Amino acid sequence: NHFEQNVDDLSGNKLVVLHLIGSHGPTYFRRYPDR
C-alpha cells in the first residue's frame, strides 16, 4: 500500500526493506486470503 508514494519520499539511491509475516505459524491459515 502506498508503495510509489513511499519511494517518492526517499531521495537518491534507495533501499526499501519489506519484512513479511510470511509463513509464520502455527496459524498458517491466517497468512493468506480465502481466494
PDB file of all heavy atoms in Angstrom:
ATOM      1  N   ASN A   1       0.841  -1.201   0.000  1.00  0.00           N
ATOM      2  CA  ASN A   1       0.000   0.000   0.000  1.00  0.00           C
ATOM      3  C   ASN A   1       0.877   1.253   0.000  1.00  0.00           C
ATOM      4  O   ASN A   1       1.830   1.347   0.786  1.00  0.00           O
ATOM      5  CB  ASN A   1      -0.913   0.018   1.230  1.00  0.00           C
ATOM      6  CG  ASN A   1      -2.046  -0.980   1.108  1.00  0.00           C
ATOM      7  OD1 ASN A   1      -2.324  -1.503   0.030  1.00  0.00           O
ATOM      8  ND2 ASN A   1      -2.710  -1.247   2.222  1.00  0.00           N
ATOM      9  N   HIS A   2       0.568   2.197  -0.881  1.00  0.00           N
ATOM     10  CA  HIS A   2       1.316   3.459  -0.975  1.00  0.00           C
ATOM     11  C   HIS A   2       2.799   3.232  -1.324  1.00  0.00           C
ATOM     12  O   HIS A   2       3.647   4.028  -0.950  1.00  0.00           O
ATOM     13  CB  HIS A   2       1.214   4.258   0.334  1.00  0.00           C
ATOM     14  CG  HIS A   2      -0.179   4.362   0.882  1.00  0.00           C
ATOM     15  ND1 HIS A   2      -1.195   4.988   0.197  1.00  0.00           N
ATOM     16  CD2 HIS A   2      -0.727   3.896   2.039  1.00  0.00           C
ATOM     17  CE1 HIS A   2      -2.307   4.912   0.916  1.00  0.00           C
ATOM     18  NE2 HIS A   2      -2.052   4.257   2.033  1.00  0.00           N
ATOM     19  N   PHE A   3       3.078   2.154  -2.052  1.00  0.00           N
ATOM     20  CA  PHE A   3       4.463   1.845  -2.385  1.00  0.00           C
ATOM     21  C   PHE A   3       5.114   2.980  -3.168  1.00  0.00           C
ATOM     22  O   PHE A   3       6.223   3.419  -2.846  1.00  0.00           O
ATOM     23  CB  PHE A   3       4.523   0.538  -3.193  1.00  0.00           C
ATOM     24  CG  PHE A   3       5.916   0.132  -3.602  1.00  0.00           C
ATOM     25  CD1 PHE A   3       6.751  -0.534  -2.721  1.00  0.00           C
ATOM     26  CD2 PHE A   3       6.408   0.434  -4.876  1.00  0.00           C
ATOM     27  CE1 PHE A   3       8.033  -0.913  -3.083  1.00  0.00           C
ATOM     28  CE2 PHE A   3       7.685   0.067  -5.260  1.00  0.00           C
ATOM     29  CZ  PHE A   3       8.500  -0.607  -4.357  1.00  0.00           C
ATOM     30  N   GLU A   4       4.444   3.454  -4.201  1.00  0.00           N
ATOM     31  CA  GLU A   4       5.019   4.503  -5.048  1.00  0.00           C
ATOM     32  C   GLU A   4       5.271   5.777  -4.246  1.00  0.00           C
ATOM     33  O   GLU A   4       6.302   6.439  -4.417  1.00  0.00           O
ATOM     34  CB  GLU A   4       4.096   4.792  -6.232  1.00  0.00           C
ATOM     35  CG  GLU A   4       3.965   3.639  -7.221  1.00  0.00           C
ATOM     36  CD  GLU A   4       2.979   2.571  -6.779  1.00  0.00           C
ATOM     37  OE1 GLU A   4       2.387   2.720  -5.671  1.00  0.00           O
ATOM     38  OE2 GLU A   4       2.801   1.582  -7.505  1.00  0.00           O
ATOM     39  N   GLN A   5       4.318   6.110  -3.342  1.00  0.00           N
ATOM     40  CA  GLN A   5       4.493   7.305  -2.532  1.00  0.00           C
ATOM     41  C   GLN A   5       5.673   7.150  -1.571  1.00  0.00           C
ATOM     42  O   GLN A   5       6.456   8.090  -1.379  1.00  0.00           O
ATOM     43  CB  GLN A   5       3.217   7.578  -1.725  1.00  0.00           C
ATOM     44  CG  GLN A   5       3.273   8.843  -0.874  1.00  0.00           C
ATOM     45  CD  GLN A   5       3.481  10.084  -1.712  1.00  0.00           C
ATOM     46  OE1 GLN A   5       2.730  10.311  -2.660  1.00  0.00           O
ATOM     47  NE2 GLN A   5       4.495  10.888  -1.388  1.00  0.00           N
ATOM     48  N   ASN A   6       5.821   5.977  -1.008  1.00  0.00           N
ATOM     49  CA  ASN A   6       6.959   5.726  -0.113  1.00  0.00           C
ATOM     50  C   ASN A   6       8.278   5.865  -0.858  1.00  0.00           C
ATOM     51  O   ASN A   6       9.256   6.396  -0.316  1.00  0.00           O
ATOM     52  CB  ASN A   6       6.852   4.328   0.497  1.00  0.00           C
ATOM     53  CG  ASN A   6       5.784   4.242   1.568  1.00  0.00           C
ATOM     54  OD1 ASN A   6       5.579   5.178   2.336  1.00  0.00           O
ATOM     55  ND2 ASN A   6       5.087   3.121   1.620  1.00  0.00           N
ATOM     56  N   VAL A   7       8.310   5.384  -2.097  1.00  0.00           N
ATOM     57  CA  VAL A   7       9.526   5.510  -2.907  1.00  0.00           C
ATOM     58  C   VAL A   7       9.808   6.981  -3.211  1.00  0.00           C
ATOM     59  O   VAL A   7      10.953   7.452  -3.112  1.00  0.00           O
ATOM     60  CB  VAL A   7       9.397   4.690  -4.207  1.00  0.00           C
ATOM     61  CG1 VAL A   7      10.552   5.017  -5.167  1.00  0.00           C
ATOM     62  CG2 VAL A   7       9.376   3.195  -3.905  1.00  0.00           C
ATOM     63  N   ASP A   8       8.774   7.716  -3.572  1.00  0.00           N
ATOM     64  CA  ASP A   8       8.943   9.137  -3.902  1.00  0.00           C
ATOM     65  C   ASP A   8       9.450   9.936  -2.708  1.00  0.00           C
ATOM     66  O   ASP A   8      10.139  10.954  -2.882  1.00  0.00           O
ATOM     67  CB  ASP A   8       7.620   9.727  -4.388  1.00  0.00           C
ATOM     68  CG  ASP A   8       7.251   9.253  -5.788  1.00  0.00           C
ATOM     69  OD1 ASP A   8       8.148   8.748  -6.496  1.00  0.00           O
ATOM     70  OD2 ASP A   8       6.062   9.362  -6.169  1.00  0.00           O
ATOM     71  N   ASP A   9       9.110   9.508  -1.498  1.00  0.00           N
ATOM     72  CA  ASP A   9       9.528  10.227  -0.301  1.00  0.00           C
ATOM     73  C   ASP A   9      11.011  10.026   0.015  1.00  0.00           C
ATOM     74  O   ASP A   9      11.558  10.716   0.882  1.00  0.00           O
ATOM     75  CB  ASP A   9       8.695   9.786   0.907  1.00  0.00           C
ATOM     76  CG  ASP A   9       7.253  10.278   0.817  1.00  0.00           C
ATOM     77  OD1 ASP A   9       6.994  11.214   0.046  1.00  0.00           O
ATOM     78  OD2 ASP A   9       6.387   9.703   1.519  1.00  0.00           O
ATOM     79  N   LEU A  10      11.638   9.065  -0.664  1.00  0.00           N
ATOM     80  CA  LEU A  10      13.078   8.833  -0.492  1.00  0.00           C
ATOM     81  C   LEU A  10      13.826   9.610  -1.568  1.00  0.00           C
ATOM     82  O   LEU A  10      13.261  10.019  -2.578  1.00  0.00           O
ATOM     83  CB  LEU A  10      13.390   7.339  -0.591  1.00  0.00           C
ATOM     84  CG  LEU A  10      12.667   6.411   0.406  1.00  0.00           C
ATOM     85  CD1 LEU A  10      12.994   4.956   0.111  1.00  0.00           C
ATOM     86  CD2 LEU A  10      13.035   6.757   1.843  1.00  0.00           C
ATOM     87  N   SER A  11      15.123   9.778  -1.359  1.00  0.00           N
ATOM     88  CA  SER A  11      15.934  10.524  -2.326  1.00  0.00           C
ATOM     89  C   SER A  11      17.181   9.745  -2.702  1.00  0.00           C
ATOM     90  O   SER A  11      17.650   8.891  -1.950  1.00  0.00           O
ATOM     91  CB  SER A  11      16.333  11.892  -1.748  1.00  0.00           C
ATOM     92  OG  SER A  11      17.084  11.720  -0.557  1.00  0.00           O
ATOM     93  N   GLY A  12      17.719  10.066  -3.903  1.00  0.00           N
ATOM     94  CA  GLY A  12      18.950   9.427  -4.349  1.00  0.00           C
ATOM     95  C   GLY A  12      18.758   7.949  -4.614  1.00  0.00           C
ATOM     96  O   GLY A  12      17.680   7.495  -5.010  1.00  0.00           O
ATOM     97  N   ASN A  13      19.829   7.169  -4.412  1.00  0.00           N
ATOM     98  CA  ASN A  13      19.712   5.712  -4.486  1.00  0.00           C
ATOM     99  C   ASN A  13      18.922   5.237  -3.273  1.00  0.00           C
ATOM    100  O   ASN A  13      19.108   5.728  -2.158  1.00  0.00           O
ATOM    101  CB  ASN A  13      21.096   5.069  -4.515  1.00  0.00           C
ATOM    102  CG  ASN A  13      21.821   5.347  -5.820  1.00  0.00           C
ATOM    103  OD1 ASN A  13      21.207   5.418  -6.890  1.00  0.00           O
ATOM    104  ND2 ASN A  13      23.138   5.518  -5.742  1.00  0.00           N
ATOM    105  N   LYS A  14      18.053   4.244  -3.488  1.00  0.00           N
ATOM    106  CA  LYS A  14      17.073   3.904  -2.460  1.00  0.00           C
ATOM    107  C   LYS A  14      17.054   2.404  -2.166  1.00  0.00           C
ATOM    108  O   LYS A  14      17.171   1.581  -3.073  1.00  0.00           O
ATOM    109  CB  LYS A  14      15.677   4.349  -2.919  1.00  0.00           C
ATOM    110  CG  LYS A  14      15.628   5.818  -3.336  1.00  0.00           C
ATOM    111  CD  LYS A  14      14.294   6.226  -3.924  1.00  0.00           C
ATOM    112  CE  LYS A  14      14.334   7.691  -4.367  1.00  0.00           C
ATOM    113  NZ  LYS A  14      13.015   8.170  -4.846  1.00  0.00           N
ATOM    114  N   LEU A  15      16.868   2.095  -0.879  1.00  0.00           N
ATOM    115  CA  LEU A  15      16.679   0.713  -0.444  1.00  0.00           C
ATOM    116  C   LEU A  15      15.401   0.656   0.381  1.00  0.00           C
ATOM    117  O   LEU A  15      15.256   1.363   1.376  1.00  0.00           O
ATOM    118  CB  LEU A  15      17.855   0.225   0.404  1.00  0.00           C
ATOM    119  CG  LEU A  15      17.660  -1.139   1.085  1.00  0.00           C
ATOM    120  CD1 LEU A  15      17.535  -2.257   0.052  1.00  0.00           C
ATOM    121  CD2 LEU A  15      18.813  -1.438   2.045  1.00  0.00           C
ATOM    122  N   VAL A  16      14.459  -0.188  -0.052  1.00  0.00           N
ATOM    123  CA  VAL A  16      13.226  -0.407   0.691  1.00  0.00           C
ATOM    124  C   VAL A  16      13.239  -1.845   1.207  1.00  0.00           C
ATOM    125  O   VAL A  16      13.386  -2.787   0.420  1.00  0.00           O
ATOM    126  CB  VAL A  16      11.981  -0.176  -0.188  1.00  0.00           C
ATOM    127  CG1 VAL A  16      10.708  -0.488   0.593  1.00  0.00           C
ATOM    128  CG2 VAL A  16      11.954   1.261  -0.709  1.00  0.00           C
ATOM    129  N   VAL A  17      13.121  -2.008   2.516  1.00  0.00           N
ATOM    130  CA  VAL A  17      13.087  -3.336   3.130  1.00  0.00           C
ATOM    131  C   VAL A  17      11.659  -3.638   3.543  1.00  0.00           C
ATOM    132  O   VAL A  17      11.031  -2.852   4.261  1.00  0.00           O
ATOM    133  CB  VAL A  17      14.019  -3.419   4.354  1.00  0.00           C
ATOM    134  CG1 VAL A  17      14.039  -4.846   4.905  1.00  0.00           C
ATOM    135  CG2 VAL A  17      15.431  -2.972   4.002  1.00  0.00           C
ATOM    136  N   LEU A  18      11.129  -4.770   3.096  1.00  0.00           N
ATOM    137  CA  LEU A  18       9.785  -5.216   3.452  1.00  0.00           C
ATOM    138  C   LEU A  18       9.913  -6.478   4.296  1.00  0.00           C
ATOM    139  O   LEU A  18      10.391  -7.509   3.806  1.00  0.00           O
ATOM    140  CB  LEU A  18       8.959  -5.509   2.194  1.00  0.00           C
ATOM    141  CG  LEU A  18       8.840  -4.363   1.176  1.00  0.00           C
ATOM    142  CD1 LEU A  18       8.053  -4.825  -0.045  1.00  0.00           C
ATOM    143  CD2 LEU A  18       8.185  -3.135   1.804  1.00  0.00           C
ATOM    144  N   HIS A  19       9.528  -6.394   5.561  1.00  0.00           N
ATOM    145  CA  HIS A  19       9.630  -7.546   6.464  1.00  0.00           C
ATOM    146  C   HIS A  19       8.272  -8.235   6.551  1.00  0.00           C
ATOM    147  O   HIS A  19       7.329  -7.705   7.119  1.00  0.00           O
ATOM    148  CB  HIS A  19      10.102  -7.098   7.851  1.00  0.00           C
ATOM    149  CG  HIS A  19      10.412  -8.237   8.769  1.00  0.00           C
ATOM    150  ND1 HIS A  19      10.516  -8.104  10.142  1.00  0.00           N
ATOM    151  CD2 HIS A  19      10.641  -9.556   8.518  1.00  0.00           C
ATOM    152  CE1 HIS A  19      10.795  -9.267  10.677  1.00  0.00           C
ATOM    153  NE2 HIS A  19      10.874 -10.166   9.716  1.00  0.00           N
ATOM    154  N   LEU A  20       8.191  -9.424   5.984  1.00  0.00           N
ATOM    155  CA  LEU A  20       6.933 -10.160   5.887  1.00  0.00           C
ATOM    156  C   LEU A  20       6.580 -10.883   7.179  1.00  0.00           C
ATOM    157  O   LEU A  20       7.456 -11.216   7.983  1.00  0.00           O
ATOM    158  CB  LEU A  20       7.009 -11.198   4.762  1.00  0.00           C
ATOM    159  CG  LEU A  20       7.479 -10.768   3.380  1.00  0.00           C
ATOM    160  CD1 LEU A  20       7.369 -11.950   2.419  1.00  0.00           C
ATOM    161  CD2 LEU A  20       6.699  -9.578   2.861  1.00  0.00           C
ATOM    162  N   ILE A  21       5.285 -11.199   7.318  1.00  0.00           N
ATOM    163  CA  ILE A  21       4.863 -12.184   8.312  1.00  0.00           C
ATOM    164  C   ILE A  21       4.881 -13.565   7.670  1.00  0.00           C
ATOM    165  O   ILE A  21       4.904 -14.583   8.348  1.00  0.00           O
ATOM    166  CB  ILE A  21       3.477 -11.850   8.890  1.00  0.00           C
ATOM    167  CG1 ILE A  21       3.245 -12.623  10.182  1.00  0.00           C
ATOM    168  CG2 ILE A  21       2.361 -12.110   7.880  1.00  0.00           C
ATOM    169  CD1 ILE A  21       2.041 -12.158  10.978  1.00  0.00           C
ATOM    170  N   GLY A  22       4.862 -13.585   6.348  1.00  0.00           N
ATOM    171  CA  GLY A  22       5.159 -14.771   5.546  1.00  0.00           C
ATOM    172  C   GLY A  22       4.420 -16.027   5.907  1.00  0.00           C
ATOM    173  O   GLY A  22       3.216 -16.158   5.694  1.00  0.00           O
ATOM    174  N   SER A  23       5.146 -17.002   6.451  1.00  0.00           N
ATOM    175  CA  SER A  23       4.590 -18.323   6.768  1.00  0.00           C
ATOM    176  C   SER A  23       4.635 -18.590   8.267  1.00  0.00           C
ATOM    177  O   SER A  23       4.768 -19.735   8.703  1.00  0.00           O
ATOM    178  CB  SER A  23       5.373 -19.410   6.021  1.00  0.00           C
ATOM    179  OG  SER A  23       5.363 -19.188   4.637  1.00  0.00           O
ATOM    180  N   HIS A  24       4.511 -17.530   9.044  1.00  0.00           N
ATOM    181  CA  HIS A  24       4.616 -17.676  10.497  1.00  0.00           C
ATOM    182  C   HIS A  24       3.482 -18.545  11.026  1.00  0.00           C
ATOM    183  O   HIS A  24       2.314 -18.301  10.767  1.00  0.00           O
ATOM    184  CB  HIS A  24       4.576 -16.289  11.152  1.00  0.00           C
ATOM    185  CG  HIS A  24       5.115 -16.289  12.555  1.00  0.00           C
ATOM    186  ND1 HIS A  24       4.487 -16.942  13.591  1.00  0.00           N
ATOM    187  CD2 HIS A  24       6.224 -15.719  13.090  1.00  0.00           C
ATOM    188  CE1 HIS A  24       5.183 -16.775  14.704  1.00  0.00           C
ATOM    189  NE2 HIS A  24       6.244 -16.035  14.421  1.00  0.00           N
ATOM    190  N   GLY A  25       3.831 -19.582  11.760  1.00  0.00           N
ATOM    191  CA  GLY A  25       2.850 -20.484  12.342  1.00  0.00           C
ATOM    192  C   GLY A  25       2.616 -20.186  13.811  1.00  0.00           C
ATOM    193  O   GLY A  25       3.188 -19.243  14.357  1.00  0.00           O
ATOM    194  N   PRO A  26       1.787 -20.981  14.460  1.00  0.00           N
ATOM    195  CA  PRO A  26       1.112 -22.152  13.883  1.00  0.00           C
ATOM    196  C   PRO A  26      -0.150 -21.820  13.090  1.00  0.00           C
ATOM    197  O   PRO A  26      -0.724 -22.697  12.469  1.00  0.00           O
ATOM    198  CB  PRO A  26       0.757 -22.973  15.129  1.00  0.00           C
ATOM    199  CG  PRO A  26       0.544 -21.941  16.186  1.00  0.00           C
ATOM    200  CD  PRO A  26       1.558 -20.859  15.903  1.00  0.00           C
ATOM    201  N   THR A  27      -0.571 -20.556  13.110  1.00  0.00           N
ATOM    202  CA  THR A  27      -1.809 -20.185  12.406  1.00  0.00           C
ATOM    203  C   THR A  27      -1.496 -19.842  10.954  1.00  0.00           C
ATOM    204  O   THR A  27      -1.713 -18.724  10.496  1.00  0.00           O
ATOM    205  CB  THR A  27      -2.494 -19.000  13.105  1.00  0.00           C
ATOM    206  OG1 THR A  27      -1.529 -17.956  13.294  1.00  0.00           O
ATOM    207  CG2 THR A  27      -3.063 -19.409  14.448  1.00  0.00           C
ATOM    208  N   TYR A  28      -1.004 -20.844  10.220  1.00  0.00           N
ATOM    209  CA  TYR A  28      -0.655 -20.622   8.812  1.00  0.00           C
ATOM    210  C   TYR A  28      -1.865 -20.123   8.011  1.00  0.00           C
ATOM    211  O   TYR A  28      -1.711 -19.335   7.083  1.00  0.00           O
ATOM    212  CB  TYR A  28      -0.133 -21.923   8.192  1.00  0.00           C
ATOM    213  CG  TYR A  28       1.027 -22.549   8.925  1.00  0.00           C
ATOM    214  CD1 TYR A  28       0.895 -23.760   9.585  1.00  0.00           C
ATOM    215  CD2 TYR A  28       2.265 -21.909   8.970  1.00  0.00           C
ATOM    216  CE1 TYR A  28       1.952 -24.345  10.255  1.00  0.00           C
ATOM    217  CE2 TYR A  28       3.333 -22.483   9.650  1.00  0.00           C
ATOM    218  CZ  TYR A  28       3.174 -23.702  10.289  1.00  0.00           C
ATOM    219  OH  TYR A  28       4.217 -24.269  10.977  1.00  0.00           O
ATOM    220  N   PHE A  29      -3.057 -20.591   8.357  1.00  0.00           N
ATOM    221  CA  PHE A  29      -4.252 -20.257   7.588  1.00  0.00           C
ATOM    222  C   PHE A  29      -4.566 -18.763   7.616  1.00  0.00           C
ATOM    223  O   PHE A  29      -5.321 -18.271   6.781  1.00  0.00           O
ATOM    224  CB  PHE A  29      -5.460 -21.052   8.106  1.00  0.00           C
ATOM    225  CG  PHE A  29      -5.896 -20.680   9.505  1.00  0.00           C
ATOM    226  CD1 PHE A  29      -6.948 -19.790   9.698  1.00  0.00           C
ATOM    227  CD2 PHE A  29      -5.266 -21.216  10.611  1.00  0.00           C
ATOM    228  CE1 PHE A  29      -7.367 -19.456  10.978  1.00  0.00           C
ATOM    229  CE2 PHE A  29      -5.671 -20.881  11.905  1.00  0.00           C
ATOM    230  CZ  PHE A  29      -6.722 -19.996  12.084  1.00  0.00           C
ATOM    231  N   ARG A  30      -3.995 -18.034   8.568  1.00  0.00           N
ATOM    232  CA  ARG A  30      -4.221 -16.592   8.635  1.00  0.00           C
ATOM    233  C   ARG A  30      -3.256 -15.800   7.757  1.00  0.00           C
ATOM    234  O   ARG A  30      -3.360 -14.579   7.688  1.00  0.00           O
ATOM    235  CB  ARG A  30      -4.088 -16.110  10.087  1.00  0.00           C
ATOM    236  CG  ARG A  30      -5.208 -16.589  10.997  1.00  0.00           C
ATOM    237  CD  ARG A  30      -5.022 -16.069  12.403  1.00  0.00           C
ATOM    238  NE  ARG A  30      -6.098 -16.513  13.281  1.00  0.00           N
ATOM    239  CZ  ARG A  30      -6.058 -16.461  14.604  1.00  0.00           C
ATOM    240  NH1 ARG A  30      -4.977 -15.985  15.205  1.00  0.00           N
ATOM    241  NH2 ARG A  30      -7.069 -16.879  15.336  1.00  0.00           N
ATOM    242  N   ARG A  31      -2.354 -16.459   7.082  1.00  0.00           N
ATOM    243  CA  ARG A  31      -1.344 -15.762   6.286  1.00  0.00           C
ATOM    244  C   ARG A  31      -1.752 -15.593   4.834  1.00  0.00           C
ATOM    245  O   ARG A  31      -0.998 -15.029   4.048  1.00  0.00           O
ATOM    246  CB  ARG A  31       0.003 -16.516   6.361  1.00  0.00           C
ATOM    247  CG  ARG A  31       0.471 -16.843   7.758  1.00  0.00           C
ATOM    248  CD  ARG A  31       0.671 -15.614   8.607  1.00  0.00           C
ATOM    249  NE  ARG A  31       0.888 -15.976  10.009  1.00  0.00           N
ATOM    250  CZ  ARG A  31       0.252 -15.431  11.013  1.00  0.00           C
ATOM    251  NH1 ARG A  31      -0.643 -14.484  10.800  1.00  0.00           N
ATOM    252  NH2 ARG A  31       0.496 -15.804  12.253  1.00  0.00           N
ATOM    253  N   TYR A  32      -2.914 -16.103   4.452  1.00  0.00           N
ATOM    254  CA  TYR A  32      -3.373 -15.963   3.066  1.00  0.00           C
ATOM    255  C   TYR A  32      -4.893 -15.800   3.063  1.00  0.00           C
ATOM    256  O   TYR A  32      -5.593 -16.335   3.932  1.00  0.00           O
ATOM    257  CB  TYR A  32      -2.976 -17.183   2.230  1.00  0.00           C
ATOM    258  CG  TYR A  32      -3.352 -18.521   2.833  1.00  0.00           C
ATOM    259  CD1 TYR A  32      -4.582 -19.116   2.546  1.00  0.00           C
ATOM    260  CD2 TYR A  32      -2.479 -19.200   3.676  1.00  0.00           C
ATOM    261  CE1 TYR A  32      -4.932 -20.338   3.084  1.00  0.00           C
ATOM    262  CE2 TYR A  32      -2.819 -20.424   4.228  1.00  0.00           C
ATOM    263  CZ  TYR A  32      -4.042 -20.990   3.932  1.00  0.00           C
ATOM    264  OH  TYR A  32      -4.392 -22.202   4.474  1.00  0.00           O
ATOM    265  N   PRO A  33      -5.417 -15.040   2.105  1.00  0.00           N
ATOM    266  CA  PRO A  33      -6.874 -14.863   1.999  1.00  0.00           C
ATOM    267  C   PRO A  33      -7.522 -16.116   1.426  1.00  0.00           C
ATOM    268  O   PRO A  33      -6.855 -16.999   0.881  1.00  0.00           O
ATOM    269  CB  PRO A  33      -7.012 -13.673   1.058  1.00  0.00           C
ATOM    270  CG  PRO A  33      -5.773 -13.710   0.225  1.00  0.00           C
ATOM    271  CD  PRO A  33      -4.683 -14.246   1.109  1.00  0.00           C
ATOM    272  N   ASP A  34      -8.841 -16.178   1.537  1.00  0.00           N
ATOM    273  CA  ASP A  34      -9.566 -17.373   1.086  1.00  0.00           C
ATOM    274  C   ASP A  34      -9.331 -17.685  -0.387  1.00  0.00           C
ATOM    275  O   ASP A  34      -9.273 -18.852  -0.783  1.00  0.00           O
ATOM    276  CB  ASP A  34     -11.074 -17.195   1.337  1.00  0.00           C
ATOM    277  CG  ASP A  34     -11.426 -17.307   2.810  1.00  0.00           C
ATOM    278  OD1 ASP A  34     -10.595 -17.834   3.575  1.00  0.00           O
ATOM    279  OD2 ASP A  34     -12.516 -16.851   3.199  1.00  0.00           O
ATOM    280  N   ARG A  35      -9.188 -16.653  -1.203  1.00  0.00           N
ATOM    281  CA  ARG A  35      -9.012 -16.923  -2.636  1.00  0.00           C
ATOM    282  C   ARG A  35      -7.651 -17.534  -2.956  1.00  0.00           C
ATOM    283  O   ARG A  35      -7.427 -17.990  -4.080  1.00  0.00           O
ATOM    284  CB  ARG A  35      -9.239 -15.655  -3.446  1.00  0.00           C
ATOM    285  CG  ARG A  35      -8.214 -14.560  -3.255  1.00  0.00           C
ATOM    286  CD  ARG A  35      -8.670 -13.276  -3.934  1.00  0.00           C
ATOM    287  NE  ARG A  35      -7.686 -12.202  -3.842  1.00  0.00           N
ATOM    288  CZ  ARG A  35      -6.763 -11.952  -4.759  1.00  0.00           C
ATOM    289  NH1 ARG A  35      -6.700 -12.706  -5.847  1.00  0.00           N
ATOM    290  NH2 ARG A  35      -5.920 -10.961  -4.609  1.00  0.00           N
TER     291      ARG A  35
END
